Amino acid sequence: MIKKILILTLFLYFLILFQISFSAHFYILNIIPSLILIFTIFFNLFEKKENVSGIFVAIFGGFLEDIFSNSVIGFHILIFLVLSIFIKFVFKKYIQPVIRLNQHSKCTI
């Protein structure tokens, strides 16, 4: 678990460095895309419902986004955290798990 948190922390740090140094020059309709937000959404979408690593990604990614932007500290943390909790809630409430059959078992009707 510590190794996973360390890897996520380093990845988020390099992602924010890439965002403020390189992607600041690439505008899409005069908007700079937030790589941390995109990563947070995809991480929460593809994570198991029981895991809470997506909440850590949202809090730490929002913190980094707040530190490297000129907005109030806590604004991005709140947005990313609410988004992560919303994704977790929707998946827990409305998405059913996929039942996988064993590769060697046969389904007969």
PDB file of N, CA and C in Angstrom:
ATOM      1  N   MET A   1       0.819  -1.191   0.000  1.00  0.00           N
ATOM      2  CA  MET A   1       0.000   0.000   0.000  1.00  0.00           C
ATOM      3  C   MET A   1       0.867   1.261   0.000  1.00  0.00           C
ATOM      4  N   ILE A   2       1.941   1.239   0.767  1.00  0.00           N
ATOM      5  CA  ILE A   2       2.853   2.387   0.817  1.00  0.00           C
ATOM      6  C   ILE A   2       3.516   2.576  -0.543  1.00  0.00           C
ATOM      7  N   LYS A   3       3.863   1.466  -1.185  1.00  0.00           N
ATOM      8  CA  LYS A   3       4.497   1.549  -2.499  1.00  0.00           C
ATOM      9  C   LYS A   3       3.533   2.155  -3.522  1.00  0.00           C
ATOM     10  N   LYS A   4       2.259   1.769  -3.460  1.00  0.00           N
ATOM     11  CA  LYS A   4       1.256   2.300  -4.385  1.00  0.00           C
ATOM     12  C   LYS A   4       1.066   3.801  -4.170  1.00  0.00           C
ATOM     13  N   ILE A   5       1.020   4.245  -2.918  1.00  0.00           N
ATOM     14  CA  ILE A   5       0.862   5.666  -2.618  1.00  0.00           C
ATOM     15  C   ILE A   5       2.079   6.450  -3.083  1.00  0.00           C
ATOM     16  N   LEU A   6       3.264   5.900  -2.890  1.00  0.00           N
ATOM     17  CA  LEU A   6       4.482   6.576  -3.337  1.00  0.00           C
ATOM     18  C   LEU A   6       4.522   6.707  -4.856  1.00  0.00           C
ATOM     19  N   ILE A   7       4.141   5.649  -5.555  1.00  0.00           N
ATOM     20  CA  ILE A   7       4.130   5.693  -7.022  1.00  0.00           C
ATOM     21  C   ILE A   7       3.080   6.695  -7.515  1.00  0.00           C
ATOM     22  N   LEU A   8       1.898   6.696  -6.905  1.00  0.00           N
ATOM     23  CA  LEU A   8       0.866   7.662  -7.294  1.00  0.00           C
ATOM     24  C   LEU A   8       1.300   9.099  -7.013  1.00  0.00           C
ATOM     25  N   THR A   9       1.956   9.318  -5.885  1.00  0.00           N
ATOM     26  CA  THR A   9       2.437  10.652  -5.542  1.00  0.00           C
ATOM     27  C   THR A   9       3.459  11.146  -6.557  1.00  0.00           C
ATOM     28  N   LEU A  10       4.420  10.306  -6.897  1.00  0.00           N
ATOM     29  CA  LEU A  10       5.426  10.701  -7.883  1.00  0.00           C
ATOM     30  C   LEU A  10       4.809  10.926  -9.259  1.00  0.00           C
ATOM     31  N   PHE A  11       3.864  10.066  -9.647  1.00  0.00           N
ATOM     32  CA  PHE A  11       3.215  10.229 -10.943  1.00  0.00           C
ATOM     33  C   PHE A  11       2.421  11.530 -11.007  1.00  0.00           C
ATOM     34  N   LEU A  12       1.682  11.843  -9.931  1.00  0.00           N
ATOM     35  CA  LEU A  12       0.925  13.093  -9.903  1.00  0.00           C
ATOM     36  C   LEU A  12       1.850  14.300  -9.934  1.00  0.00           C
ATOM     37  N   TYR A  13       2.983  14.216  -9.249  1.00  0.00           N
ATOM     38  CA  TYR A  13       3.938  15.323  -9.247  1.00  0.00           C
ATOM     39  C   TYR A  13       4.504  15.554 -10.649  1.00  0.00           C
ATOM     40  N   PHE A  14       4.893  14.481 -11.322  1.00  0.00           N
ATOM     41  CA  PHE A  14       5.409  14.635 -12.689  1.00  0.00           C
ATOM     42  C   PHE A  14       4.317  15.076 -13.660  1.00  0.00           C
ATOM     43  N   LEU A  15       3.100  14.663 -13.411  1.00  0.00           N
ATOM     44  CA  LEU A  15       1.985  15.083 -14.256  1.00  0.00           C
ATOM     45  C   LEU A  15       1.712  16.583 -14.116  1.00  0.00           C
ATOM     46  N   ILE A  16       1.777  17.111 -12.889  1.00  0.00           N
ATOM     47  CA  ILE A  16       1.570  18.544 -12.700  1.00  0.00           C
ATOM     48  C   ILE A  16       2.743  19.335 -13.254  1.00  0.00           C
ATOM     49  N   LEU A  17       3.956  18.797 -13.153  1.00  0.00           N
ATOM     50  CA  LEU A  17       5.103  19.482 -13.764  1.00  0.00           C
ATOM     51  C   LEU A  17       4.971  19.526 -15.277  1.00  0.00           C
ATOM     52  N   PHE A  18       4.503  18.443 -15.869  1.00  0.00           N
ATOM     53  CA  PHE A  18       4.277  18.426 -17.313  1.00  0.00           C
ATOM     54  C   PHE A  18       3.174  19.404 -17.694  1.00  0.00           C
ATOM     55  N   GLN A  19       2.150  19.489 -16.863  1.00  0.00           N
ATOM     56  CA  GLN A  19       1.032  20.381 -17.157  1.00  0.00           C
ATOM     57  C   GLN A  19       1.457  21.844 -17.119  1.00  0.00           C
ATOM     58  N   ILE A  20       2.246  22.237 -16.127  1.00  0.00           N
ATOM     59  CA  ILE A  20       2.589  23.654 -16.026  1.00  0.00           C
ATOM     60  C   ILE A  20       3.736  24.043 -16.934  1.00  0.00           C
ATOM     61  N   SER A  21       4.506  23.073 -17.405  1.00  0.00           N
ATOM     62  CA  SER A  21       5.639  23.443 -18.252  1.00  0.00           C
ATOM     63  C   SER A  21       5.357  23.262 -19.742  1.00  0.00           C
ATOM     64  N   PHE A  22       4.761  22.152 -20.140  1.00  0.00           N
ATOM     65  CA  PHE A  22       4.581  21.883 -21.565  1.00  0.00           C
ATOM     66  C   PHE A  22       3.159  22.122 -22.052  1.00  0.00           C
ATOM     67  N   SER A  23       2.185  21.605 -21.338  1.00  0.00           N
ATOM     68  CA  SER A  23       0.826  21.703 -21.857  1.00  0.00           C
ATOM     69  C   SER A  23       0.238  23.098 -21.697  1.00  0.00           C
ATOM     70  N   ALA A  24       0.943  24.000 -21.017  1.00  0.00           N
ATOM     71  CA  ALA A  24       0.473  25.382 -20.914  1.00  0.00           C
ATOM     72  C   ALA A  24       0.541  26.081 -22.269  1.00  0.00           C
ATOM     73  N   HIS A  25       1.303  25.538 -23.197  1.00  0.00           N
ATOM     74  CA  HIS A  25       1.437  26.128 -24.528  1.00  0.00           C
ATOM     75  C   HIS A  25       0.416  25.589 -25.516  1.00  0.00           C
ATOM     76  N   PHE A  26      -0.353  24.584 -25.125  1.00  0.00           N
ATOM     77  CA  PHE A  26      -1.339  23.973 -26.019  1.00  0.00           C
ATOM     78  C   PHE A  26      -2.746  24.329 -25.534  1.00  0.00           C
ATOM     79  N   TYR A  27      -3.334  25.278 -26.195  1.00  0.00           N
ATOM     80  CA  TYR A  27      -4.679  25.714 -25.839  1.00  0.00           C
ATOM     81  C   TYR A  27      -5.698  24.985 -26.689  1.00  0.00           C
ATOM     82  N   ILE A  28      -6.803  24.588 -26.070  1.00  0.00           N
ATOM     83  CA  ILE A  28      -7.938  24.027 -26.788  1.00  0.00           C
ATOM     84  C   ILE A  28      -9.101  24.983 -26.513  1.00  0.00           C
ATOM     85  N   LEU A  29      -9.468  25.763 -27.509  1.00  0.00           N
ATOM     86  CA  LEU A  29     -10.507  26.790 -27.369  1.00  0.00           C
ATOM     87  C   LEU A  29     -10.185  27.748 -26.217  1.00  0.00           C
ATOM     88  N   ASN A  30      -8.915  28.173 -26.147  1.00  0.00           N
ATOM     89  CA  ASN A  30      -8.411  29.089 -25.111  1.00  0.00           C
ATOM     90  C   ASN A  30      -8.528  28.529 -23.696  1.00  0.00           C
ATOM     91  N   ILE A  31      -8.507  27.220 -23.562  1.00  0.00           N
ATOM     92  CA  ILE A  31      -8.548  26.561 -22.257  1.00  0.00           C
ATOM     93  C   ILE A  31      -7.373  25.598 -22.173  1.00  0.00           C
ATOM     94  N   ILE A  32      -6.650  25.635 -21.065  1.00  0.00           N
ATOM     95  CA  ILE A  32      -5.557  24.686 -20.837  1.00  0.00           C
ATOM     96  C   ILE A  32      -6.152  23.443 -20.171  1.00  0.00           C
ATOM     97  N   PRO A  33      -5.974  22.264 -20.758  1.00  0.00           N
ATOM     98  CA  PRO A  33      -6.562  21.058 -20.148  1.00  0.00           C
ATOM     99  C   PRO A  33      -5.860  20.690 -18.845  1.00  0.00           C
ATOM    100  N   SER A  34      -6.636  20.270 -17.867  1.00  0.00           N
ATOM    101  CA  SER A  34      -6.100  19.858 -16.578  1.00  0.00           C
ATOM    102  C   SER A  34      -5.822  18.358 -16.616  1.00  0.00           C
ATOM    103  N   LEU A  35      -4.559  18.010 -16.682  1.00  0.00           N
ATOM    104  CA  LEU A  35      -4.179  16.602 -16.747  1.00  0.00           C
ATOM    105  C   LEU A  35      -4.470  15.876 -15.438  1.00  0.00           C
ATOM    106  N   ILE A  36      -4.370  16.589 -14.334  1.00  0.00           N
ATOM    107  CA  ILE A  36      -4.655  15.996 -13.026  1.00  0.00           C
ATOM    108  C   ILE A  36      -6.141  15.632 -12.929  1.00  0.00           C
ATOM    109  N   LEU A  37      -7.009  16.508 -13.417  1.00  0.00           N
ATOM    110  CA  LEU A  37      -8.442  16.227 -13.396  1.00  0.00           C
ATOM    111  C   LEU A  37      -8.777  15.024 -14.275  1.00  0.00           C
ATOM    112  N   ILE A  38      -8.191  14.968 -15.452  1.00  0.00           N
ATOM    113  CA  ILE A  38      -8.429  13.838 -16.357  1.00  0.00           C
ATOM    114  C   ILE A  38      -7.946  12.539 -15.726  1.00  0.00           C
ATOM    115  N   PHE A  39      -6.753  12.571 -15.113  1.00  0.00           N
ATOM    116  CA  PHE A  39      -6.231  11.370 -14.458  1.00  0.00           C
ATOM    117  C   PHE A  39      -7.106  10.960 -13.280  1.00  0.00           C
ATOM    118  N   THR A  40      -7.592  11.923 -12.508  1.00  0.00           N
ATOM    119  CA  THR A  40      -8.450  11.614 -11.363  1.00  0.00           C
ATOM    120  C   THR A  40      -9.744  10.944 -11.803  1.00  0.00           C
ATOM    121  N   ILE A  41     -10.334  11.454 -12.878  1.00  0.00           N
ATOM    122  CA  ILE A  41     -11.574  10.862 -13.378  1.00  0.00           C
ATOM    123  C   ILE A  41     -11.331   9.426 -13.850  1.00  0.00           C
ATOM    124  N   PHE A  42     -10.302   9.231 -14.673  1.00  0.00           N
ATOM    125  CA  PHE A  42     -10.040   7.876 -15.180  1.00  0.00           C
ATOM    126  C   PHE A  42      -9.615   6.919 -14.077  1.00  0.00           C
ATOM    127  N   PHE A  43      -8.851   7.395 -13.106  1.00  0.00           N
ATOM    128  CA  PHE A  43      -8.423   6.531 -12.019  1.00  0.00           C
ATOM    129  C   PHE A  43      -9.627   6.053 -11.214  1.00  0.00           C
ATOM    130  N   ASN A  44     -10.582   6.949 -10.957  1.00  0.00           N
ATOM    131  CA  ASN A  44     -11.769   6.559 -10.205  1.00  0.00           C
ATOM    132  C   ASN A  44     -12.707   5.692 -11.022  1.00  0.00           C
ATOM    133  N   LEU A  45     -12.744   5.878 -12.329  1.00  0.00           N
ATOM    134  CA  LEU A  45     -13.604   5.052 -13.164  1.00  0.00           C
ATOM    135  C   LEU A  45     -13.114   3.610 -13.249  1.00  0.00           C
ATOM    136  N   PHE A  46     -11.806   3.416 -13.291  1.00  0.00           N
ATOM    137  CA  PHE A  46     -11.259   2.079 -13.485  1.00  0.00           C
ATOM    138  C   PHE A  46     -10.805   1.406 -12.198  1.00  0.00           C
ATOM    139  N   GLU A  47     -11.033   2.037 -11.071  1.00  0.00           N
ATOM    140  CA  GLU A  47     -10.659   1.450  -9.792  1.00  0.00           C
ATOM    141  C   GLU A  47     -11.823   0.618  -9.256  1.00  0.00           C
ATOM    142  N   LYS A  48     -11.508  -0.390  -8.458  1.00  0.00           N
ATOM    143  CA  LYS A  48     -12.558  -1.189  -7.822  1.00  0.00           C
ATOM    144  C   LYS A  48     -13.355  -0.316  -6.859  1.00  0.00           C
ATOM    145  N   LYS A  49     -14.618  -0.688  -6.671  1.00  0.00           N
ATOM    146  CA  LYS A  49     -15.504   0.115  -5.821  1.00  0.00           C
ATOM    147  C   LYS A  49     -15.031   0.166  -4.371  1.00  0.00           C
ATOM    148  N   GLU A  50     -14.395  -0.889  -3.911  1.00  0.00           N
ATOM    149  CA  GLU A  50     -14.016  -0.972  -2.511  1.00  0.00           C
ATOM    150  C   GLU A  50     -12.757  -0.167  -2.190  1.00  0.00           C
ATOM    151  N   ASN A  51     -11.920   0.098  -3.179  1.00  0.00           N
ATOM    152  CA  ASN A  51     -10.666   0.804  -2.932  1.00  0.00           C
ATOM    153  C   ASN A  51     -10.915   2.289  -2.700  1.00  0.00           C
ATOM    154  N   VAL A  52     -10.048   2.883  -1.902  1.00  0.00           N
ATOM    155  CA  VAL A  52     -10.158   4.310  -1.630  1.00  0.00           C
ATOM    156  C   VAL A  52      -8.943   5.078  -2.150  1.00  0.00           C
ATOM    157  N   SER A  53      -8.163   4.469  -3.011  1.00  0.00           N
ATOM    158  CA  SER A  53      -7.008   5.158  -3.571  1.00  0.00           C
ATOM    159  C   SER A  53      -7.431   6.333  -4.438  1.00  0.00           C
ATOM    160  N   GLY A  54      -8.603   6.253  -5.035  1.00  0.00           N
ATOM    161  CA  GLY A  54      -9.103   7.343  -5.860  1.00  0.00           C
ATOM    162  C   GLY A  54      -9.345   8.608  -5.053  1.00  0.00           C
ATOM    163  N   ILE A  55      -9.740   8.435  -3.785  1.00  0.00           N
ATOM    164  CA  ILE A  55      -9.931   9.588  -2.901  1.00  0.00           C
ATOM    165  C   ILE A  55      -8.580  10.238  -2.610  1.00  0.00           C
ATOM    166  N   PHE A  56      -7.542   9.420  -2.387  1.00  0.00           N
ATOM    167  CA  PHE A  56      -6.203   9.956  -2.178  1.00  0.00           C
ATOM    168  C   PHE A  56      -5.721  10.711  -3.412  1.00  0.00           C
ATOM    169  N   VAL A  57      -5.954  10.135  -4.591  1.00  0.00           N
ATOM    170  CA  VAL A  57      -5.556  10.795  -5.838  1.00  0.00           C
ATOM    171  C   VAL A  57      -6.277  12.132  -5.971  1.00  0.00           C
ATOM    172  N   ALA A  58      -7.552  12.169  -5.614  1.00  0.00           N
ATOM    173  CA  ALA A  58      -8.317  13.414  -5.718  1.00  0.00           C
ATOM    174  C   ALA A  58      -7.790  14.478  -4.757  1.00  0.00           C
ATOM    175  N   ILE A  59      -7.517  14.095  -3.519  1.00  0.00           N
ATOM    176  CA  ILE A  59      -7.042  15.063  -2.527  1.00  0.00           C
ATOM    177  C   ILE A  59      -5.651  15.553  -2.872  1.00  0.00           C
ATOM    178  N   PHE A  60      -4.741  14.639  -3.154  1.00  0.00           N
ATOM    179  CA  PHE A  60      -3.367  15.050  -3.430  1.00  0.00           C
ATOM    180  C   PHE A  60      -3.257  15.770  -4.777  1.00  0.00           C
ATOM    181  N   GLY A  61      -3.990  15.300  -5.781  1.00  0.00           N
ATOM    182  CA  GLY A  61      -3.987  15.984  -7.072  1.00  0.00           C
ATOM    183  C   GLY A  61      -4.576  17.379  -6.965  1.00  0.00           C
ATOM    184  N   GLY A  62      -5.660  17.526  -6.198  1.00  0.00           N
ATOM    185  CA  GLY A  62      -6.230  18.849  -5.974  1.00  0.00           C
ATOM    186  C   GLY A  62      -5.284  19.756  -5.215  1.00  0.00           C
ATOM    187  N   PHE A  63      -4.563  19.188  -4.252  1.00  0.00           N
ATOM    188  CA  PHE A  63      -3.576  19.971  -3.502  1.00  0.00           C
ATOM    189  C   PHE A  63      -2.468  20.473  -4.425  1.00  0.00           C
ATOM    190  N   LEU A  64      -1.951  19.593  -5.277  1.00  0.00           N
ATOM    191  CA  LEU A  64      -0.910  20.020  -6.211  1.00  0.00           C
ATOM    192  C   LEU A  64      -1.434  21.065  -7.191  1.00  0.00           C
ATOM    193  N   GLU A  65      -2.655  20.871  -7.650  1.00  0.00           N
ATOM    194  CA  GLU A  65      -3.268  21.836  -8.569  1.00  0.00           C
ATOM    195  C   GLU A  65      -3.421  23.200  -7.879  1.00  0.00           C
ATOM    196  N   ASP A  66      -3.782  23.198  -6.594  1.00  0.00           N
ATOM    197  CA  ASP A  66      -3.912  24.451  -5.850  1.00  0.00           C
ATOM    198  C   ASP A  66      -2.561  25.120  -5.627  1.00  0.00           C
ATOM    199  N   ILE A  67      -1.563  24.328  -5.322  1.00  0.00           N
ATOM    200  CA  ILE A  67      -0.231  24.885  -5.056  1.00  0.00           C
ATOM    201  C   ILE A  67       0.334  25.556  -6.305  1.00  0.00           C
ATOM    202  N   PHE A  68       0.189  24.916  -7.460  1.00  0.00           N
ATOM    203  CA  PHE A  68       0.795  25.425  -8.680  1.00  0.00           C
ATOM    204  C   PHE A  68      -0.117  26.362  -9.477  1.00  0.00           C
ATOM    205  N   SER A  69      -1.276  26.692  -8.957  1.00  0.00           N
ATOM    206  CA  SER A  69      -2.137  27.663  -9.628  1.00  0.00           C
ATOM    207  C   SER A  69      -2.281  28.879  -8.720  1.00  0.00           C
ATOM    208  N   ASN A  70      -2.923  29.889  -9.231  1.00  0.00           N
ATOM    209  CA  ASN A  70      -3.098  31.098  -8.425  1.00  0.00           C
ATOM    210  C   ASN A  70      -4.533  31.224  -7.926  1.00  0.00           C
ATOM    211  N   SER A  71      -5.082  30.105  -7.469  1.00  0.00           N
ATOM    212  CA  SER A  71      -6.423  30.121  -6.881  1.00  0.00           C
ATOM    213  C   SER A  71      -6.304  29.859  -5.381  1.00  0.00           C
ATOM    214  N   VAL A  72      -7.426  29.904  -4.714  1.00  0.00           N
ATOM    215  CA  VAL A  72      -7.469  29.700  -3.272  1.00  0.00           C
ATOM    216  C   VAL A  72      -7.133  28.241  -2.954  1.00  0.00           C
ATOM    217  N   ILE A  73      -6.334  28.028  -1.917  1.00  0.00           N
ATOM    218  CA  ILE A  73      -5.976  26.671  -1.513  1.00  0.00           C
ATOM    219  C   ILE A  73      -7.246  25.962  -1.024  1.00  0.00           C
ATOM    220  N   GLY A  74      -7.524  24.823  -1.588  1.00  0.00           N
ATOM    221  CA  GLY A  74      -8.676  24.034  -1.209  1.00  0.00           C
ATOM    222  C   GLY A  74      -9.753  24.006  -2.270  1.00  0.00           C
ATOM    223  N   PHE A  75      -9.694  24.900  -3.239  1.00  0.00           N
ATOM    224  CA  PHE A  75     -10.718  24.949  -4.284  1.00  0.00           C
ATOM    225  C   PHE A  75     -10.677  23.695  -5.146  1.00  0.00           C
ATOM    226  N   HIS A  76      -9.511  23.354  -5.668  1.00  0.00           N
ATOM    227  CA  HIS A  76      -9.384  22.164  -6.514  1.00  0.00           C
ATOM    228  C   HIS A  76      -9.518  20.878  -5.695  1.00  0.00           C
ATOM    229  N   ILE A  77      -9.061  20.922  -4.456  1.00  0.00           N
ATOM    230  CA  ILE A  77      -9.218  19.749  -3.587  1.00  0.00           C
ATOM    231  C   ILE A  77     -10.700  19.422  -3.433  1.00  0.00           C
ATOM    232  N   LEU A  78     -11.503  20.442  -3.174  1.00  0.00           N
ATOM    233  CA  LEU A  78     -12.939  20.236  -2.987  1.00  0.00           C
ATOM    234  C   LEU A  78     -13.598  19.725  -4.263  1.00  0.00           C
ATOM    235  N   ILE A  79     -13.256  20.320  -5.395  1.00  0.00           N
ATOM    236  CA  ILE A  79     -13.852  19.895  -6.668  1.00  0.00           C
ATOM    237  C   ILE A  79     -13.475  18.452  -6.989  1.00  0.00           C
ATOM    238  N   PHE A  80     -12.193  18.104  -6.879  1.00  0.00           N
ATOM    239  CA  PHE A  80     -11.741  16.752  -7.206  1.00  0.00           C
ATOM    240  C   PHE A  80     -12.320  15.733  -6.235  1.00  0.00           C
ATOM    241  N   LEU A  81     -12.411  16.100  -4.948  1.00  0.00           N
ATOM    242  CA  LEU A  81     -12.948  15.180  -3.944  1.00  0.00           C
ATOM    243  C   LEU A  81     -14.437  14.919  -4.176  1.00  0.00           C
ATOM    244  N   VAL A  82     -15.205  15.967  -4.454  1.00  0.00           N
ATOM    245  CA  VAL A  82     -16.635  15.790  -4.731  1.00  0.00           C
ATOM    246  C   VAL A  82     -16.824  14.945  -5.988  1.00  0.00           C
ATOM    247  N   LEU A  83     -16.007  15.183  -7.013  1.00  0.00           N
ATOM    248  CA  LEU A  83     -16.096  14.397  -8.238  1.00  0.00           C
ATOM    249  C   LEU A  83     -15.785  12.924  -7.983  1.00  0.00           C
ATOM    250  N   SER A  84     -14.756  12.646  -7.195  1.00  0.00           N
ATOM    251  CA  SER A  84     -14.399  11.255  -6.877  1.00  0.00           C
ATOM    252  C   SER A  84     -15.490  10.559  -6.080  1.00  0.00           C
ATOM    253  N   ILE A  85     -16.035  11.246  -5.091  1.00  0.00           N
ATOM    254  CA  ILE A  85     -17.094  10.656  -4.285  1.00  0.00           C
ATOM    255  C   ILE A  85     -18.341  10.422  -5.135  1.00  0.00           C
ATOM    256  N   PHE A  86     -18.649  11.345  -6.053  1.00  0.00           N
ATOM    257  CA  PHE A  86     -19.788  11.174  -6.946  1.00  0.00           C
ATOM    258  C   PHE A  86     -19.597   9.952  -7.842  1.00  0.00           C
ATOM    259  N   ILE A  87     -18.406   9.787  -8.401  1.00  0.00           N
ATOM    260  CA  ILE A  87     -18.131   8.622  -9.261  1.00  0.00           C
ATOM    261  C   ILE A  87     -18.262   7.339  -8.450  1.00  0.00           C
ATOM    262  N   LYS A  88     -17.707   7.309  -7.233  1.00  0.00           N
ATOM    263  CA  LYS A  88     -17.805   6.126  -6.377  1.00  0.00           C
ATOM    264  C   LYS A  88     -19.268   5.825  -6.037  1.00  0.00           C
ATOM    265  N   PHE A  89     -20.052   6.870  -5.736  1.00  0.00           N
ATOM    266  CA  PHE A  89     -21.456   6.684  -5.390  1.00  0.00           C
ATOM    267  C   PHE A  89     -22.245   6.115  -6.569  1.00  0.00           C
ATOM    268  N   VAL A  90     -22.040   6.677  -7.756  1.00  0.00           N
ATOM    269  CA  VAL A  90     -22.776   6.207  -8.931  1.00  0.00           C
ATOM    270  C   VAL A  90     -22.410   4.765  -9.242  1.00  0.00           C
ATOM    271  N   PHE A  91     -21.147   4.429  -9.163  1.00  0.00           N
ATOM    272  CA  PHE A  91     -20.734   3.054  -9.455  1.00  0.00           C
ATOM    273  C   PHE A  91     -21.271   2.090  -8.410  1.00  0.00           C
ATOM    274  N   LYS A  92     -21.281   2.497  -7.150  1.00  0.00           N
ATOM    275  CA  LYS A  92     -21.759   1.601  -6.102  1.00  0.00           C
ATOM    276  C   LYS A  92     -23.270   1.408  -6.183  1.00  0.00           C
ATOM    277  N   LYS A  93     -23.986   2.452  -6.541  1.00  0.00           N
ATOM    278  CA  LYS A  93     -25.442   2.396  -6.541  1.00  0.00           C
ATOM    279  C   LYS A  93     -26.022   1.820  -7.828  1.00  0.00           C
ATOM    280  N   TYR A  94     -25.455   2.176  -8.985  1.00  0.00           N
ATOM    281  CA  TYR A  94     -26.110   1.874 -10.248  1.00  0.00           C
ATOM    282  C   TYR A  94     -25.383   0.881 -11.160  1.00  0.00           C
ATOM    283  N   ILE A  95     -24.128   0.614 -10.908  1.00  0.00           N
ATOM    284  CA  ILE A  95     -23.372  -0.279 -11.775  1.00  0.00           C
ATOM    285  C   ILE A  95     -23.234  -1.627 -11.084  1.00  0.00           C
ATOM    286  N   GLN A  96     -23.681  -2.690 -11.751  1.00  0.00           N
ATOM    287  CA  GLN A  96     -23.573  -4.033 -11.211  1.00  0.00           C
ATOM    288  C   GLN A  96     -22.241  -4.651 -11.634  1.00  0.00           C
ATOM    289  N   PRO A  97     -21.630  -5.452 -10.780  1.00  0.00           N
ATOM    290  CA  PRO A  97     -20.371  -6.091 -11.167  1.00  0.00           C
ATOM    291  C   PRO A  97     -20.585  -7.137 -12.261  1.00  0.00           C
ATOM    292  N   VAL A  98     -19.583  -7.298 -13.067  1.00  0.00           N
ATOM    293  CA  VAL A  98     -19.629  -8.278 -14.149  1.00  0.00           C
ATOM    294  C   VAL A  98     -19.264  -9.645 -13.577  1.00  0.00           C
ATOM    295  N   ILE A  99     -20.079 -10.645 -13.866  1.00  0.00           N
ATOM    296  CA  ILE A  99     -19.797 -12.007 -13.414  1.00  0.00           C
ATOM    297  C   ILE A  99     -19.024 -12.708 -14.517  1.00  0.00           C
ATOM    298  N   ARG A 100     -17.827 -13.124 -14.195  1.00  0.00           N
ATOM    299  CA  ARG A 100     -16.982 -13.793 -15.179  1.00  0.00           C
ATOM    300  C   ARG A 100     -17.018 -15.295 -14.938  1.00  0.00           C
ATOM    301  N   LEU A 101     -17.215 -16.031 -16.001  1.00  0.00           N
ATOM    302  CA  LEU A 101     -17.192 -17.480 -15.910  1.00  0.00           C
ATOM    303  C   LEU A 101     -15.762 -17.964 -16.010  1.00  0.00           C
ATOM    304  N   ASN A 102     -15.523 -19.098 -15.411  1.00  0.00           N
ATOM    305  CA  ASN A 102     -14.220 -19.713 -15.543  1.00  0.00           C
ATOM    306  C   ASN A 102     -13.978 -20.045 -17.008  1.00  0.00           C
ATOM    307  N   GLN A 103     -12.755 -19.966 -17.432  1.00  0.00           N
ATOM    308  CA  GLN A 103     -12.415 -20.168 -18.845  1.00  0.00           C
ATOM    309  C   GLN A 103     -12.755 -21.589 -19.292  1.00  0.00           C
ATOM    310  N   HIS A 104     -12.650 -22.542 -18.390  1.00  0.00           N
ATOM    311  CA  HIS A 104     -12.858 -23.945 -18.774  1.00  0.00           C
ATOM    312  C   HIS A 104     -14.279 -24.428 -18.526  1.00  0.00           C
ATOM    313  N   SER A 105     -15.079 -23.629 -17.841  1.00  0.00           N
ATOM    314  CA  SER A 105     -16.441 -24.080 -17.588  1.00  0.00           C
ATOM    315  C   SER A 105     -17.316 -23.793 -18.795  1.00  0.00           C
ATOM    316  N   LYS A 106     -18.304 -24.630 -18.968  1.00  0.00           N
ATOM    317  CA  LYS A 106     -19.208 -24.482 -20.107  1.00  0.00           C
ATOM    318  C   LYS A 106     -20.580 -24.066 -19.593  1.00  0.00           C
ATOM    319  N   CYS A 107     -21.171 -23.159 -20.302  1.00  0.00           N
ATOM    320  CA  CYS A 107     -22.506 -22.682 -19.948  1.00  0.00           C
ATOM    321  C   CYS A 107     -23.511 -23.444 -20.810  1.00  0.00           C
ATOM    322  N   THR A 108     -24.348 -24.237 -20.163  1.00  0.00           N
ATOM    323  CA  THR A 108     -25.348 -24.996 -20.906  1.00  0.00           C
ATOM    324  C   THR A 108     -26.737 -24.514 -20.562  1.00  0.00           C
ATOM    325  N   ILE A 109     -27.589 -24.562 -21.509  1.00  0.00           N
ATOM    326  CA  ILE A 109     -28.964 -24.114 -21.292  1.00  0.00           C
ATOM    327  C   ILE A 109     -29.896 -25.294 -21.373  1.00  0.00           C
TER     328      ILE A 109
END
